[in-house]
Each structure stands twice: as structure tokens, then as C-alpha cells.
């Protein structure tokens, strides 16, 4: 039996999912790409000149969350002009969704690592 090979299509596949934001409704989100992460960092640097390191990190995370939202599409300008408490709730929910996805993937990976280490310890 031939093993399934990873295709470029599998790697690039990043379907949107709908998540609920309590008291606000739903948004469609996707996992961030490497480009999203780099762009978020670059855009946040422009916004955070003169801020302390914690605020810089927070803005970078918020800009990345905006990039994860597929629908409704929120531009950086929309974000800057939005009601801060409303956008904070939405972006926090996007972050929670993403962190749960990463945690799930890491849990699967830990099982693989345990198995690998067990084999490596064998004489």
C-alpha cells in the first residue's frame, strides 16, 4: 500500500471557519499564514512607535487577529476607527479560537514526540 503524500494543495488549504462572538454574532476566521504574521508585525511596528514593549506586543497580536478575520473584512483603518471595547471582544474571541486550534495540534504532536523518544531510548 502506497503512503499518501503531502501535496501543495494540502499545505495551502486554509478554509474559513465560523465562530460565535457572544453578544455580537459570528465572524468567519482562518488560521494565519506566515505572510499574515510578518505583515501584522510590520504594520504594528508603524502603529506602535513610542509605545512600551507590552503595548507593541498587544498591537501586533490585535493586527494579526484582524488578518485572521475573513468576514466581515476589517481593514487596519476600520480597526483604528472602531469602538475599542467592541473590537477588543471580537479580537479576543478570534485569539481564543486560534489558541485552541494550536493547543489541539500540539496535543497530537506531543503523542508523536513521546513515541519518538520512547524509540530513541531503546538500545
Protein backbone atom coordinates (compact mmCIF):
# COMPACT_ATOMS: atom_id res chain seq x y z
CA UNK A 1 0.00 0.00 0.00
CA UNK A 2 1.42 3.37 -1.05
CA UNK A 3 1.54 6.03 1.64
CA UNK A 4 -0.36 9.24 0.99
CA UNK A 5 1.94 12.08 0.01
CA UNK A 6 1.56 15.65 1.19
CA UNK A 7 0.50 17.90 -1.65
CA UNK A 8 0.93 21.62 -2.05
CA UNK A 9 -2.85 21.84 -2.02
CA UNK A 10 -2.88 20.32 1.49
CA UNK A 11 -0.31 22.82 2.70
CA UNK A 12 -2.08 25.83 1.19
CA UNK A 13 -5.57 24.71 2.24
CA UNK A 14 -6.79 27.16 4.85
CA UNK A 15 -10.59 27.08 4.94
CA UNK A 16 -12.53 29.67 6.87
CA UNK A 17 -14.50 28.65 9.95
CA UNK A 18 -17.37 30.45 11.62
CA UNK A 19 -17.01 31.31 15.29
CA UNK A 20 -19.51 32.88 17.63
CA UNK A 21 -18.71 36.09 19.45
CA UNK A 22 -21.08 36.18 22.43
CA UNK A 23 -23.46 39.17 22.36
CA UNK A 24 -22.21 40.23 18.92
CA UNK A 25 -22.83 37.43 16.41
CA UNK A 26 -20.50 35.38 14.27
CA UNK A 27 -17.38 36.00 12.23
CA UNK A 28 -15.56 33.87 9.71
CA UNK A 29 -11.91 33.28 10.54
CA UNK A 30 -8.93 31.38 9.17
CA UNK A 31 -5.59 30.37 10.59
CA UNK A 32 -2.90 32.97 9.93
CA UNK A 33 -0.33 32.37 7.24
CA UNK A 34 3.34 33.19 7.60
CA UNK A 35 2.69 36.23 5.40
CA UNK A 36 -0.12 37.32 7.75
CA UNK A 37 2.23 37.09 10.72
CA UNK A 38 5.01 39.05 9.00
CA UNK A 39 2.60 41.68 7.69
CA UNK A 40 1.00 42.06 11.12
CA UNK A 41 4.38 42.63 12.72
CA UNK A 42 5.37 45.19 10.08
CA UNK A 43 2.05 47.05 10.29
CA UNK A 44 2.04 47.02 14.08
CA UNK A 45 5.55 48.48 14.18
CA UNK A 46 4.27 51.52 12.27
CA UNK A 47 1.44 51.96 14.78
CA UNK A 48 3.41 51.46 17.97
CA UNK A 49 6.31 53.87 17.71
CA UNK A 50 6.95 55.27 21.17
CA UNK A 51 4.90 52.63 23.00
CA UNK A 52 6.34 50.28 25.59
CA UNK A 53 7.13 46.66 24.68
CA UNK A 54 3.93 45.22 26.17
CA UNK A 55 1.76 47.59 24.12
CA UNK A 56 3.74 46.77 20.98
CA UNK A 57 3.13 43.05 21.51
CA UNK A 58 -0.57 43.66 22.16
CA UNK A 59 -1.00 45.68 18.97
CA UNK A 60 0.86 43.09 16.94
CA UNK A 61 -1.49 40.40 18.26
CA UNK A 62 -4.52 42.54 17.52
CA UNK A 63 -3.40 43.28 13.96
CA UNK A 64 -2.77 39.56 13.43
CA UNK A 65 -6.29 38.76 14.69
CA UNK A 66 -7.69 41.27 12.18
CA UNK A 67 -5.86 39.40 9.42
CA UNK A 68 -7.45 36.13 10.58
CA UNK A 69 -10.96 37.55 10.14
CA UNK A 70 -12.30 36.67 6.70
CA UNK A 71 -15.82 38.09 7.08
CA UNK A 72 -16.61 40.83 7.84
CA UNK A 73 -13.37 42.08 6.33
CA UNK A 74 -11.85 44.65 8.68
CA UNK A 75 -9.15 46.95 7.38
CA UNK A 76 -6.45 48.48 9.53
CA UNK A 77 -8.21 51.81 9.15
CA UNK A 78 -11.51 50.23 10.28
CA UNK A 79 -9.70 48.84 13.32
CA UNK A 80 -8.18 52.20 14.21
CA UNK A 81 -11.58 53.90 14.00
CA UNK A 82 -13.59 51.17 15.73
CA UNK A 83 -15.15 51.18 19.18
CA UNK A 84 -12.27 49.79 21.25
CA UNK A 85 -14.39 47.73 23.63
CA UNK A 86 -16.32 46.12 20.76
CA UNK A 87 -13.27 45.29 18.65
CA UNK A 88 -11.45 44.01 21.75
CA UNK A 89 -14.19 41.46 22.42
CA UNK A 90 -14.15 40.31 18.80
CA UNK A 91 -10.36 40.07 18.58
CA UNK A 92 -10.13 38.26 21.93
CA UNK A 93 -12.55 35.63 20.63
CA UNK A 94 -10.50 35.22 17.46
CA UNK A 95 -7.38 34.72 19.58
CA UNK A 96 -9.10 32.18 21.81
CA UNK A 97 -10.26 30.22 18.75
CA UNK A 98 -6.73 30.20 17.30
CA UNK A 99 -5.09 29.26 20.60
CA UNK A 100 -7.48 26.32 20.99
CA UNK A 101 -6.60 25.14 17.46
CA UNK A 102 -2.88 25.37 18.21
CA UNK A 103 -3.34 23.58 21.54
CA UNK A 104 -5.18 20.75 19.80
CA UNK A 105 -2.42 20.38 17.20
CA UNK A 106 0.26 20.47 19.90
CA UNK A 107 -1.51 17.74 21.84
CA UNK A 108 -1.39 15.49 18.77
CA UNK A 109 2.25 16.35 18.22
CA UNK A 110 3.15 15.54 21.84
CA UNK A 111 1.93 11.99 21.33
CA UNK A 112 4.20 11.66 18.30
CA UNK A 113 7.14 13.08 20.24
CA UNK A 114 6.56 10.68 23.16
CA UNK A 115 6.52 7.78 20.74
CA UNK A 116 9.70 9.01 19.06
CA UNK A 117 11.53 9.48 22.37
CA UNK A 118 10.49 6.03 23.51
CA UNK A 119 12.00 4.52 20.36
CA UNK A 120 15.18 6.60 20.77
CA UNK A 121 15.69 5.32 24.34
CA UNK A 122 15.57 1.69 23.22
CA UNK A 123 19.02 0.07 22.93
